Every structure is written in structure tokens, then in C-alpha cells.
N, C-alpha and C. Protein backbone atom coordinates (compact mmCIF):
# COMPACT_ATOMS: atom_id res chain seq x y z
N MET A 1 -43.16 7.55 -3.77
CA MET A 1 -42.13 8.55 -3.94
C MET A 1 -40.78 7.91 -4.26
N ASN A 2 -40.53 6.70 -3.73
CA ASN A 2 -39.24 6.06 -3.98
C ASN A 2 -39.06 5.66 -5.45
N ILE A 3 -40.14 5.65 -6.23
CA ILE A 3 -40.01 5.36 -7.65
C ILE A 3 -39.35 6.54 -8.36
N VAL A 4 -39.65 7.76 -7.92
CA VAL A 4 -39.09 8.96 -8.53
C VAL A 4 -37.68 9.23 -8.01
N VAL A 5 -37.54 9.26 -6.70
CA VAL A 5 -36.26 9.54 -6.06
C VAL A 5 -36.10 8.54 -4.92
N PHE A 6 -35.04 7.78 -4.94
CA PHE A 6 -34.82 6.80 -3.88
C PHE A 6 -34.05 7.44 -2.73
N ARG A 7 -34.57 7.28 -1.53
CA ARG A 7 -33.87 7.71 -0.32
C ARG A 7 -33.83 6.52 0.62
N LYS A 8 -32.66 6.17 1.04
CA LYS A 8 -32.50 5.07 1.98
C LYS A 8 -32.71 5.60 3.40
N PRO A 9 -33.62 5.01 4.15
CA PRO A 9 -33.85 5.48 5.52
C PRO A 9 -32.60 5.36 6.39
N MET A 10 -32.31 6.43 7.12
CA MET A 10 -31.20 6.43 8.05
C MET A 10 -31.65 5.93 9.43
N TYR A 11 -32.93 6.09 9.72
CA TYR A 11 -33.51 5.72 11.01
C TYR A 11 -34.82 4.98 10.75
N ILE A 12 -34.98 3.84 11.40
CA ILE A 12 -36.18 3.02 11.20
C ILE A 12 -36.84 2.81 12.55
N TYR A 13 -38.16 3.09 12.60
CA TYR A 13 -38.93 3.01 13.83
C TYR A 13 -40.13 2.10 13.66
N HIS A 14 -40.48 1.40 14.72
CA HIS A 14 -41.69 0.59 14.78
C HIS A 14 -42.46 1.02 16.03
N SER A 15 -43.78 1.11 15.89
CA SER A 15 -44.60 1.48 17.05
C SER A 15 -45.96 0.80 16.94
N ASP A 16 -46.63 0.72 18.09
CA ASP A 16 -47.95 0.11 18.11
C ASP A 16 -48.72 0.66 19.30
N ALA A 17 -50.02 0.56 19.22
CA ALA A 17 -50.90 1.03 20.29
C ALA A 17 -52.06 0.07 20.46
N SER A 18 -52.57 0.03 21.67
CA SER A 18 -53.79 -0.71 21.97
C SER A 18 -54.59 0.14 22.93
N GLU A 19 -55.75 -0.32 23.28
CA GLU A 19 -56.56 0.46 24.21
C GLU A 19 -55.97 0.45 25.63
N HIS A 20 -54.96 -0.39 25.87
CA HIS A 20 -54.35 -0.50 27.19
C HIS A 20 -52.98 0.16 27.29
N GLY A 21 -52.32 0.40 26.15
CA GLY A 21 -50.99 0.99 26.22
C GLY A 21 -50.42 1.30 24.85
N ILE A 22 -49.30 2.03 24.86
CA ILE A 22 -48.61 2.40 23.62
C ILE A 22 -47.12 2.13 23.80
N GLY A 23 -46.43 1.92 22.69
CA GLY A 23 -44.99 1.68 22.77
C GLY A 23 -44.34 1.67 21.41
N GLY A 24 -43.02 1.75 21.40
CA GLY A 24 -42.29 1.73 20.15
C GLY A 24 -40.80 1.53 20.38
N TYR A 25 -40.07 1.36 19.29
CA TYR A 25 -38.62 1.22 19.39
C TYR A 25 -37.95 1.66 18.11
N SER A 26 -36.68 1.98 18.24
CA SER A 26 -35.85 2.38 17.11
C SER A 26 -34.91 1.24 16.76
N LEU A 27 -34.96 0.79 15.53
CA LEU A 27 -34.02 -0.25 15.09
C LEU A 27 -32.61 0.30 15.01
N THR A 28 -32.49 1.61 14.82
CA THR A 28 -31.18 2.24 14.66
C THR A 28 -30.48 2.44 16.00
N SER A 29 -31.15 3.08 16.95
CA SER A 29 -30.53 3.37 18.24
C SER A 29 -30.73 2.25 19.26
N GLY A 30 -31.72 1.38 19.02
CA GLY A 30 -32.01 0.32 19.97
C GLY A 30 -32.86 0.78 21.15
N ARG A 31 -33.29 2.01 21.14
CA ARG A 31 -34.09 2.59 22.24
C ARG A 31 -35.54 2.12 22.12
N ALA A 32 -36.08 1.60 23.22
CA ALA A 32 -37.47 1.16 23.26
C ALA A 32 -38.17 1.87 24.42
N TRP A 33 -39.48 2.00 24.31
CA TRP A 33 -40.26 2.66 25.35
C TRP A 33 -41.67 2.11 25.34
N HIS A 34 -42.40 2.30 26.45
CA HIS A 34 -43.82 1.94 26.50
C HIS A 34 -44.49 2.69 27.64
N PHE A 35 -45.77 2.95 27.49
CA PHE A 35 -46.60 3.56 28.53
C PHE A 35 -47.88 2.75 28.65
N GLU A 36 -48.23 2.45 29.86
CA GLU A 36 -49.52 1.81 30.11
C GLU A 36 -50.54 2.92 30.32
N LEU A 37 -51.66 2.84 29.63
CA LEU A 37 -52.71 3.84 29.78
C LEU A 37 -53.55 3.55 31.02
N THR A 38 -53.90 4.60 31.72
CA THR A 38 -54.74 4.42 32.90
C THR A 38 -56.15 4.02 32.47
N GLU A 39 -56.87 3.44 33.37
CA GLU A 39 -58.20 2.92 33.04
C GLU A 39 -59.16 4.02 32.58
N ASN A 40 -59.02 5.24 33.11
CA ASN A 40 -59.92 6.32 32.69
C ASN A 40 -59.61 6.82 31.28
N CYS A 41 -58.49 6.40 30.68
CA CYS A 41 -58.17 6.75 29.29
C CYS A 41 -58.76 5.75 28.29
N HIS A 42 -59.09 4.56 28.77
CA HIS A 42 -59.60 3.51 27.86
C HIS A 42 -60.86 3.99 27.16
N HIS A 43 -60.89 3.84 25.85
CA HIS A 43 -62.04 4.15 24.99
C HIS A 43 -62.39 5.63 24.91
N HIS A 44 -61.49 6.53 25.37
CA HIS A 44 -61.74 7.96 25.25
C HIS A 44 -61.00 8.58 24.08
N VAL A 45 -60.01 7.88 23.57
CA VAL A 45 -59.24 8.34 22.40
C VAL A 45 -59.28 7.21 21.38
N SER A 46 -59.46 7.57 20.10
CA SER A 46 -59.53 6.52 19.08
C SER A 46 -58.20 5.78 18.96
N LEU A 47 -58.28 4.53 18.56
CA LEU A 47 -57.06 3.73 18.39
C LEU A 47 -56.16 4.35 17.32
N ASN A 48 -56.75 4.89 16.24
CA ASN A 48 -55.94 5.56 15.21
C ASN A 48 -55.17 6.74 15.79
N SER A 49 -55.79 7.51 16.67
CA SER A 49 -55.10 8.63 17.29
C SER A 49 -53.96 8.15 18.19
N LEU A 50 -54.19 7.07 18.93
CA LEU A 50 -53.12 6.50 19.75
C LEU A 50 -51.97 5.99 18.89
N GLU A 51 -52.28 5.34 17.76
CA GLU A 51 -51.24 4.87 16.84
C GLU A 51 -50.42 6.05 16.31
N PHE A 52 -51.10 7.14 16.00
CA PHE A 52 -50.44 8.33 15.45
C PHE A 52 -49.50 8.96 16.48
N VAL A 53 -49.98 9.19 17.68
CA VAL A 53 -49.14 9.81 18.70
C VAL A 53 -47.99 8.87 19.09
N THR A 54 -48.21 7.56 19.01
CA THR A 54 -47.15 6.59 19.29
C THR A 54 -46.03 6.71 18.26
N SER A 55 -46.39 6.88 16.98
CA SER A 55 -45.37 7.08 15.94
C SER A 55 -44.57 8.34 16.22
N PHE A 56 -45.25 9.39 16.62
CA PHE A 56 -44.58 10.65 16.94
C PHE A 56 -43.64 10.50 18.13
N ILE A 57 -44.10 9.86 19.21
CA ILE A 57 -43.27 9.71 20.40
C ILE A 57 -42.02 8.89 20.10
N THR A 58 -42.15 7.86 19.27
CA THR A 58 -41.01 7.01 18.94
C THR A 58 -39.91 7.83 18.26
N ILE A 59 -40.28 8.72 17.36
CA ILE A 59 -39.30 9.61 16.72
C ILE A 59 -38.79 10.63 17.73
N TRP A 60 -39.68 11.17 18.54
CA TRP A 60 -39.35 12.20 19.52
C TRP A 60 -38.31 11.72 20.53
N VAL A 61 -38.40 10.45 20.95
CA VAL A 61 -37.44 9.89 21.91
C VAL A 61 -36.02 9.99 21.35
N ASP A 62 -35.82 9.60 20.11
CA ASP A 62 -34.49 9.70 19.50
C ASP A 62 -34.07 11.16 19.32
N THR A 63 -35.03 12.04 19.03
CA THR A 63 -34.72 13.46 18.86
C THR A 63 -34.24 14.05 20.19
N ILE A 64 -34.94 13.80 21.25
CA ILE A 64 -34.58 14.33 22.57
C ILE A 64 -33.21 13.84 23.00
N GLU A 65 -32.90 12.59 22.69
CA GLU A 65 -31.62 12.01 23.09
C GLU A 65 -30.50 12.27 22.08
N SER A 66 -30.77 13.15 21.11
CA SER A 66 -29.78 13.58 20.10
C SER A 66 -29.20 12.44 19.29
N HIS A 67 -30.03 11.43 18.97
CA HIS A 67 -29.58 10.32 18.12
C HIS A 67 -29.75 10.64 16.64
N ILE A 68 -30.51 11.67 16.30
CA ILE A 68 -30.82 11.96 14.91
C ILE A 68 -29.89 13.04 14.37
N GLN A 69 -29.25 12.73 13.24
CA GLN A 69 -28.35 13.66 12.57
C GLN A 69 -29.14 14.69 11.77
N PRO A 70 -28.52 15.81 11.37
CA PRO A 70 -29.21 16.80 10.53
C PRO A 70 -29.66 16.21 9.19
N LYS A 71 -30.78 16.67 8.69
CA LYS A 71 -31.37 16.26 7.41
C LYS A 71 -31.53 14.74 7.31
N PRO A 72 -32.22 14.14 8.27
CA PRO A 72 -32.36 12.68 8.27
C PRO A 72 -33.45 12.19 7.33
N CYS A 73 -33.40 10.93 7.01
CA CYS A 73 -34.48 10.24 6.31
C CYS A 73 -35.03 9.21 7.29
N LEU A 74 -36.26 9.47 7.79
CA LEU A 74 -36.87 8.63 8.81
C LEU A 74 -37.93 7.73 8.21
N LEU A 75 -37.98 6.48 8.65
CA LEU A 75 -39.03 5.55 8.26
C LEU A 75 -39.72 5.09 9.53
N SER A 76 -40.95 5.53 9.73
CA SER A 76 -41.73 5.15 10.91
C SER A 76 -42.81 4.19 10.47
N GLN A 77 -42.76 2.97 10.98
CA GLN A 77 -43.70 1.93 10.57
C GLN A 77 -44.71 1.65 11.68
N THR A 78 -45.96 1.48 11.28
CA THR A 78 -47.04 1.16 12.19
C THR A 78 -47.99 0.22 11.47
N ASP A 79 -48.86 -0.42 12.21
CA ASP A 79 -49.83 -1.31 11.57
C ASP A 79 -51.14 -0.60 11.29
N SER A 80 -51.15 0.72 11.39
CA SER A 80 -52.35 1.51 11.12
C SER A 80 -52.13 2.36 9.87
N SER A 81 -52.88 2.08 8.81
CA SER A 81 -52.72 2.87 7.58
C SER A 81 -53.18 4.31 7.79
N SER A 82 -54.15 4.54 8.67
CA SER A 82 -54.58 5.92 8.96
C SER A 82 -53.46 6.70 9.63
N ALA A 83 -52.85 6.11 10.65
CA ALA A 83 -51.76 6.80 11.35
C ALA A 83 -50.57 7.03 10.43
N ALA A 84 -50.26 6.07 9.56
CA ALA A 84 -49.16 6.24 8.62
C ALA A 84 -49.44 7.40 7.66
N GLY A 85 -50.69 7.50 7.19
CA GLY A 85 -51.06 8.61 6.31
C GLY A 85 -51.01 9.94 7.03
N TRP A 86 -51.40 9.95 8.31
CA TRP A 86 -51.38 11.19 9.08
C TRP A 86 -49.96 11.69 9.31
N LEU A 87 -48.95 10.81 9.26
CA LEU A 87 -47.56 11.25 9.42
C LEU A 87 -47.13 12.21 8.32
N ARG A 88 -47.83 12.20 7.19
CA ARG A 88 -47.50 13.08 6.07
C ARG A 88 -48.50 14.22 5.94
N LYS A 89 -49.30 14.46 6.93
CA LYS A 89 -50.38 15.44 6.84
C LYS A 89 -50.30 16.42 8.00
N SER A 90 -50.61 17.68 7.76
CA SER A 90 -50.64 18.65 8.85
C SER A 90 -51.82 19.61 8.73
N ASN A 91 -52.75 19.33 7.83
CA ASN A 91 -53.89 20.24 7.63
C ASN A 91 -55.20 19.63 8.12
N PHE A 92 -55.24 19.30 9.39
CA PHE A 92 -56.46 18.76 10.01
C PHE A 92 -57.40 19.90 10.35
N TYR A 93 -58.68 19.61 10.45
CA TYR A 93 -59.66 20.61 10.86
C TYR A 93 -59.60 20.77 12.38
N PRO A 94 -59.27 21.96 12.88
CA PRO A 94 -59.09 22.14 14.33
C PRO A 94 -60.32 21.79 15.16
N GLU A 95 -61.51 22.08 14.65
CA GLU A 95 -62.71 21.81 15.44
C GLU A 95 -63.02 20.32 15.54
N ASP A 96 -62.55 19.52 14.59
CA ASP A 96 -62.84 18.09 14.60
C ASP A 96 -61.65 17.24 15.04
N GLN A 97 -60.45 17.67 14.68
CA GLN A 97 -59.27 16.83 14.88
C GLN A 97 -58.11 17.61 15.47
N ASN A 98 -58.36 18.35 16.53
CA ASN A 98 -57.34 19.19 17.14
C ASN A 98 -56.13 18.38 17.61
N PHE A 99 -56.38 17.21 18.20
CA PHE A 99 -55.30 16.36 18.69
C PHE A 99 -54.36 15.93 17.56
N GLN A 100 -54.93 15.49 16.44
CA GLN A 100 -54.11 15.07 15.29
C GLN A 100 -53.36 16.26 14.71
N MET A 101 -54.01 17.42 14.61
CA MET A 101 -53.37 18.60 14.04
C MET A 101 -52.17 19.02 14.90
N MET A 102 -52.35 19.08 16.21
CA MET A 102 -51.25 19.49 17.08
C MET A 102 -50.09 18.50 17.01
N THR A 103 -50.39 17.21 16.97
CA THR A 103 -49.35 16.20 16.88
C THR A 103 -48.61 16.29 15.55
N ALA A 104 -49.32 16.41 14.44
CA ALA A 104 -48.70 16.50 13.13
C ALA A 104 -47.81 17.73 13.00
N ARG A 105 -48.27 18.85 13.50
CA ARG A 105 -47.48 20.07 13.40
C ARG A 105 -46.26 20.01 14.30
N ARG A 106 -46.36 19.37 15.43
CA ARG A 106 -45.20 19.20 16.31
C ARG A 106 -44.17 18.29 15.63
N LEU A 107 -44.63 17.23 14.98
CA LEU A 107 -43.74 16.33 14.27
C LEU A 107 -43.03 17.06 13.14
N ALA A 108 -43.77 17.88 12.39
CA ALA A 108 -43.17 18.64 11.28
C ALA A 108 -42.10 19.58 11.81
């Protein structure tokens, strides 16, 4: 998209997930966060889903704390190409991917 219209990101986020925990930070606000997953959560949610919700939470933290200005250009970076693609998608099949659909629609 930047080939057609260039938009410089106003807010840059990095996030990551593992089977033991999730976390992220904002390069713009300097806010960082992390959650350790309980043992009963291990291997019950796919790593791609954890990466996706981690990207959402990282943006959400700045939103809740009113760090984001109106009409922002956000760049959320992750090491999961599936989660990055899901950030631009909101038409998941509810019977198969309800978690992703709810997260994507909340982000939108």
C-alpha cells in the first residue's frame, strides 16, 4: 500500500508471544507490558492466536491510556506473518475462528 500512498506511522508497536507468556511495547510512548500464561493455558490456544491477541493488546494499552491521537497511523510489528495478516482482516468464520473474529472486530 505504501507504493500507492505513503503514510508515515505515528505509533510503532512490537509484540511477541510464546506458549508461556505474551508481551509487547510501544516505541512511541515507551509503555511495555507482559503476562505470564498459567500452566492450564499452555497448548490450548494456537501460537498464532496468541501473537494476534498480543498485537491487539499492545495497541489497546496505548488507547486506554489516551496516548493515541485522532486518525492515527499505527504500525504493529510481530514475528508472525499469520497474526500480521489477521490485523487487516475481520471476516473470520465464527464457527471455526470465533476468537480471531472477536479480536479483529474489537481492534477495528
